[in-house]
């Protein structure tokens, strides 16, 4: 079967000029090249070239995650309020949470993340310690009412995210899984030859006592990070100040 499509048959409407309020180079190039089109602020349609690129990216990620025994699932975007009440995050998450009410006056949200769903899934379906460790992941649409959705796909209100969740027998098992996933992310970023730093960060509303973020160094970024010239240390400014304060005490 021939899957090759002629360029003359491909839908990729290019444009010559973009509005002056669009500043990010990647945003400008994707619009000009017919990769994306804006539907509303922070909401975009992926055109054929954009979807083709996204599918290739997903395949690379899936193949690497398969090497460390991650299992793919797909959780619902629409999430009931009672699960968020159980974790006390319904109000804590703030104004970024899209909330809605169904015809029976039951409250839901459009998932900005899926901790509530996956832990509920785990609670009622894992019964033996021999089933652990287990790593479940998905590539699913997320919704966040961003304060400044101005950089194209970098900070959108509707976006696709790969999120993984792991469950363990003990701390040793947890640390081993953490390192495996960390190394998998490093492998993915190296494939794309990206200039990145692993940064100490705040766990925020997700919680936990350790949080690391992979930051791509870019002039259009909004986060400021502190980087050591003498070691591999890197941290968000507020976390770098905290680490410095602790070490000085």
Protein backbone atom coordinates (compact mmCIF):
# COMPACT_ATOMS: atom_id res chain seq x y z
CA UNK A 1 0.00 0.00 0.00
CA UNK A 2 1.36 3.40 -1.01
CA UNK A 3 1.24 5.92 1.87
CA UNK A 4 3.12 8.66 0.02
CA UNK A 5 1.09 11.81 -0.50
CA UNK A 6 1.85 14.37 -3.17
CA UNK A 7 2.69 17.84 -1.92
CA UNK A 8 0.16 19.23 -4.39
CA UNK A 9 -2.57 17.27 -2.57
CA UNK A 10 -1.44 18.26 0.92
CA UNK A 11 -3.36 20.86 2.92
CA UNK A 12 -0.79 23.27 4.33
CA UNK A 13 -1.96 26.86 3.85
CA UNK A 14 1.08 29.09 4.31
CA UNK A 15 0.92 32.76 5.21
CA UNK A 16 3.40 35.53 4.47
CA UNK A 17 2.95 37.81 7.46
CA UNK A 18 1.69 37.34 11.02
CA UNK A 19 0.28 39.93 13.41
CA UNK A 20 2.77 42.03 15.37
CA UNK A 21 1.58 40.71 18.73
CA UNK A 22 3.11 37.29 17.94
CA UNK A 23 6.71 37.45 19.18
CA UNK A 24 7.96 33.86 19.64
CA UNK A 25 9.99 32.56 16.68
CA UNK A 26 8.57 29.04 16.87
CA UNK A 27 5.03 30.44 16.91
CA UNK A 28 5.74 32.64 13.88
CA UNK A 29 7.37 29.82 11.89
CA UNK A 30 4.59 27.31 12.60
CA UNK A 31 1.97 29.79 11.43
CA UNK A 32 3.89 30.74 8.30
CA UNK A 33 4.66 27.13 7.37
CA UNK A 34 1.06 25.94 7.67
CA UNK A 35 1.68 23.73 10.72
CA UNK A 36 -0.88 25.27 13.10
CA UNK A 37 -3.77 27.72 13.03
CA UNK A 38 -5.18 29.61 15.99
CA UNK A 39 -8.83 28.94 16.84
CA UNK A 40 -8.93 31.18 19.93
CA UNK A 41 -6.40 32.54 22.43
CA UNK A 42 -4.28 29.59 23.54
CA UNK A 43 -6.28 27.12 21.41
CA UNK A 44 -4.90 25.76 18.13
CA UNK A 45 -5.73 23.42 15.28
CA UNK A 46 -2.91 21.14 14.18
CA UNK A 47 -2.78 20.99 10.38
CA UNK A 48 -1.52 17.85 8.53
CA UNK A 49 2.18 18.74 8.79
CA UNK A 50 1.79 19.55 12.49
CA UNK A 51 -0.02 16.31 13.22
CA UNK A 52 2.55 14.31 11.24
CA UNK A 53 5.34 15.81 13.35
CA UNK A 54 3.43 15.21 16.57
CA UNK A 55 2.80 11.56 15.70
CA UNK A 56 6.51 11.03 15.04
CA UNK A 57 7.37 12.63 18.36
CA UNK A 58 4.88 10.40 20.18
CA UNK A 59 6.29 7.26 18.56
CA UNK A 60 9.81 8.12 19.73
CA UNK A 61 8.58 8.72 23.28
CA UNK A 62 6.51 5.53 23.34
CA UNK A 63 9.40 3.36 22.13
CA UNK A 64 11.75 4.69 24.82
CA UNK A 65 9.15 4.32 27.59
CA UNK A 66 8.52 0.75 26.47
CA UNK A 67 12.19 -0.02 27.23
CA UNK A 68 11.54 0.65 30.94
CA UNK A 69 8.23 -1.28 31.04
CA UNK A 70 5.87 1.68 31.00
CA UNK A 71 2.31 0.71 30.05
CA UNK A 72 0.13 3.09 28.08
CA UNK A 73 -3.43 3.89 29.15
CA UNK A 74 -5.87 6.67 28.30
CA UNK A 75 -7.76 8.43 31.09
CA UNK A 76 -10.80 10.70 30.71
CA UNK A 77 -10.47 14.42 30.22
CA UNK A 78 -13.74 15.05 32.11
CA UNK A 79 -13.14 14.51 35.83
CA UNK A 80 -15.71 14.47 38.70
CA UNK A 81 -15.36 16.98 41.52
CA UNK A 82 -15.58 14.34 44.27
CA UNK A 83 -12.21 12.87 43.31
CA UNK A 84 -10.66 16.33 43.57
CA UNK A 85 -12.42 16.88 46.90
CA UNK A 86 -10.73 13.73 48.22
CA UNK A 87 -7.31 15.27 47.55
CA UNK A 88 -8.44 18.76 48.62
CA UNK A 89 -7.26 20.22 45.32
CA UNK A 90 -10.58 21.45 43.86
CA UNK A 91 -10.08 24.92 45.33
CA UNK A 92 -6.33 24.70 45.88
CA UNK A 93 -5.59 24.33 42.15
CA UNK A 94 -6.81 27.86 41.59
CA UNK A 95 -8.22 29.75 38.62
CA UNK A 96 -6.38 27.61 36.07
CA UNK A 97 -8.91 24.82 36.62
CA UNK A 98 -11.70 24.77 34.03
CA UNK A 99 -14.91 23.88 35.90
CA UNK A 100 -18.32 22.92 34.52
CA UNK A 101 -21.69 21.53 35.62
CA UNK A 102 -23.71 18.82 33.85
CA UNK A 103 -27.50 18.71 33.38
CA UNK A 104 -27.90 17.00 36.79
CA UNK A 105 -25.99 19.82 38.54
CA UNK A 106 -22.97 17.59 39.17
CA UNK A 107 -19.64 19.39 39.05
CA UNK A 108 -16.71 18.37 36.86
CA UNK A 109 -13.46 19.82 35.61
CA UNK A 110 -11.44 19.50 32.42
CA UNK A 111 -8.31 17.69 33.53
CA UNK A 112 -5.17 19.81 33.87
CA UNK A 113 -3.46 16.67 35.22
CA UNK A 114 -4.56 13.15 36.16
CA UNK A 115 -3.29 12.24 39.64
CA UNK A 116 -6.84 11.93 41.00
CA UNK A 117 -7.95 9.59 38.22
CA UNK A 118 -4.91 7.31 38.22
CA UNK A 119 -4.76 6.88 42.01
CA UNK A 120 -8.44 5.99 42.06
CA UNK A 121 -7.79 3.48 39.26
CA UNK A 122 -4.89 1.99 41.21
CA UNK A 123 -6.82 1.83 44.49
CA UNK A 124 -9.49 -0.50 43.15
CA UNK A 125 -7.44 -2.61 40.74
CA UNK A 126 -4.08 -3.47 42.34
CA UNK A 127 -4.34 -6.05 45.15
CA UNK A 128 -0.93 -7.76 45.50
CA UNK A 129 2.54 -6.38 46.15
CA UNK A 130 3.83 -8.74 43.46
CA UNK A 131 2.06 -6.53 40.91
CA UNK A 132 4.49 -3.73 41.80
CA UNK A 133 6.25 -1.73 40.58
CA UNK A 134 3.93 -0.55 37.86
CA UNK A 135 4.31 2.51 35.61
CA UNK A 136 1.24 3.78 33.78
CA UNK A 137 1.42 6.63 31.29
CA UNK A 138 -0.74 8.39 28.77
CA UNK A 139 -0.53 11.00 26.05
CA UNK A 140 -3.70 12.98 26.60
CA UNK A 141 -5.18 16.43 26.11
CA UNK A 142 -4.94 18.76 29.13
CA UNK A 143 -6.75 22.02 29.87
CA UNK A 144 -5.39 24.92 31.94
CA UNK A 145 -6.75 28.46 31.97
CA UNK A 146 -3.29 29.99 31.54
CA UNK A 147 -2.75 33.58 32.60
CA UNK A 148 -0.56 34.39 29.57
CA UNK A 149 -1.31 32.05 26.63
CA UNK A 150 0.84 34.02 24.20
CA UNK A 151 3.63 31.76 22.91
CA UNK A 152 1.83 29.40 20.56
CA UNK A 153 2.01 25.76 21.58
CA UNK A 154 4.55 26.49 24.34
CA UNK A 155 1.92 27.84 26.75
CA UNK A 156 -1.54 26.95 25.49
CA UNK A 157 -4.87 26.55 27.24
CA UNK A 158 -5.47 23.20 25.52
CA UNK A 159 -2.40 21.04 24.96
CA UNK A 160 -1.16 17.47 24.68
CA UNK A 161 0.90 16.07 27.56
CA UNK A 162 2.72 12.83 28.26
CA UNK A 163 2.20 12.10 31.95
CA UNK A 164 3.41 8.98 33.78
CA UNK A 165 2.47 7.62 37.21
CA UNK A 166 4.30 4.90 39.11
CA UNK A 167 3.45 2.79 42.17
CA UNK A 168 5.96 0.91 44.33
CA UNK A 169 6.59 -1.55 47.14
CA UNK A 170 9.09 0.60 49.04
CA UNK A 171 11.40 3.61 48.79
CA UNK A 172 14.18 1.62 47.11
CA UNK A 173 11.77 0.54 44.39
CA UNK A 174 10.57 4.15 44.03
CA UNK A 175 14.11 5.50 43.65
CA UNK A 176 14.95 2.89 41.03
CA UNK A 177 11.87 3.79 39.00
CA UNK A 178 12.59 7.51 39.36
CA UNK A 179 16.10 7.05 37.97
CA UNK A 180 14.86 4.90 35.09
CA UNK A 181 12.31 7.52 34.05
CA UNK A 182 14.84 10.33 34.52
CA UNK A 183 17.29 8.53 32.21
CA UNK A 184 14.52 7.91 29.68
CA UNK A 185 13.80 11.65 29.53
CA UNK A 186 17.50 12.38 29.05
CA UNK A 187 17.57 9.88 26.18
CA UNK A 188 14.56 11.53 24.53
CA UNK A 189 16.07 15.03 24.76
CA UNK A 190 19.40 13.82 23.38
CA UNK A 191 17.66 12.36 20.33
CA UNK A 192 16.41 15.86 19.51
CA UNK A 193 19.79 17.44 20.33
CA UNK A 194 18.20 19.96 22.69
CA UNK A 195 20.17 22.19 25.03
CA UNK A 196 18.62 21.45 28.41
CA UNK A 197 19.22 21.65 32.14
CA UNK A 198 17.78 19.42 34.87
CA UNK A 199 16.47 21.92 37.38
CA UNK A 200 15.46 21.64 41.04
CA UNK A 201 11.87 22.87 41.23
CA UNK A 202 8.90 23.27 43.55
CA UNK A 203 6.45 20.34 43.63
CA UNK A 204 3.56 22.79 43.87
CA UNK A 205 0.02 21.42 44.14
CA UNK A 206 1.16 17.97 42.96
CA UNK A 207 3.11 17.48 46.18
CA UNK A 208 6.08 15.28 46.99
CA UNK A 209 9.49 15.99 48.52
CA UNK A 210 11.52 16.01 45.29
CA UNK A 211 10.82 17.74 42.00
CA UNK A 212 13.06 18.09 38.97
CA UNK A 213 12.18 19.79 35.71
CA UNK A 214 13.88 19.53 32.33
CA UNK A 215 14.28 23.08 31.04
CA UNK A 216 15.13 23.82 27.42
CA UNK A 217 17.37 26.89 27.30
CA UNK A 218 15.57 29.49 25.20
CA UNK A 219 15.44 33.26 24.83
CA UNK A 220 11.64 33.15 24.75
CA UNK A 221 11.30 31.29 28.05
CA UNK A 222 9.53 32.79 31.05
CA UNK A 223 11.35 30.99 33.88
CA UNK A 224 14.64 32.20 35.32
CA UNK A 225 17.04 29.52 36.52
CA UNK A 226 20.30 29.60 38.46
CA UNK A 227 23.13 27.55 36.90
CA UNK A 228 26.43 26.70 38.53
CA UNK A 229 29.64 27.14 36.51
CA UNK A 230 31.47 24.61 38.68
CA UNK A 231 28.97 21.75 38.90
CA UNK A 232 25.80 20.31 37.37
CA UNK A 233 23.63 22.24 39.85
CA UNK A 234 20.67 24.13 38.37
CA UNK A 235 17.53 25.40 40.04
CA UNK A 236 14.67 27.79 39.60
CA UNK A 237 15.63 31.13 41.14
CA UNK A 238 13.39 30.72 44.19
CA UNK A 239 14.60 27.14 44.79
CA UNK A 240 18.23 28.09 44.20
CA UNK A 241 17.92 30.80 46.86
CA UNK A 242 16.37 28.27 49.25
CA UNK A 243 19.15 25.72 48.63
CA UNK A 244 21.77 28.41 49.18
CA UNK A 245 20.09 29.52 52.40
CA UNK A 246 19.93 25.97 53.74
CA UNK A 247 23.56 25.20 52.92
CA UNK A 248 24.73 28.45 54.55
CA UNK A 249 22.94 27.48 57.77
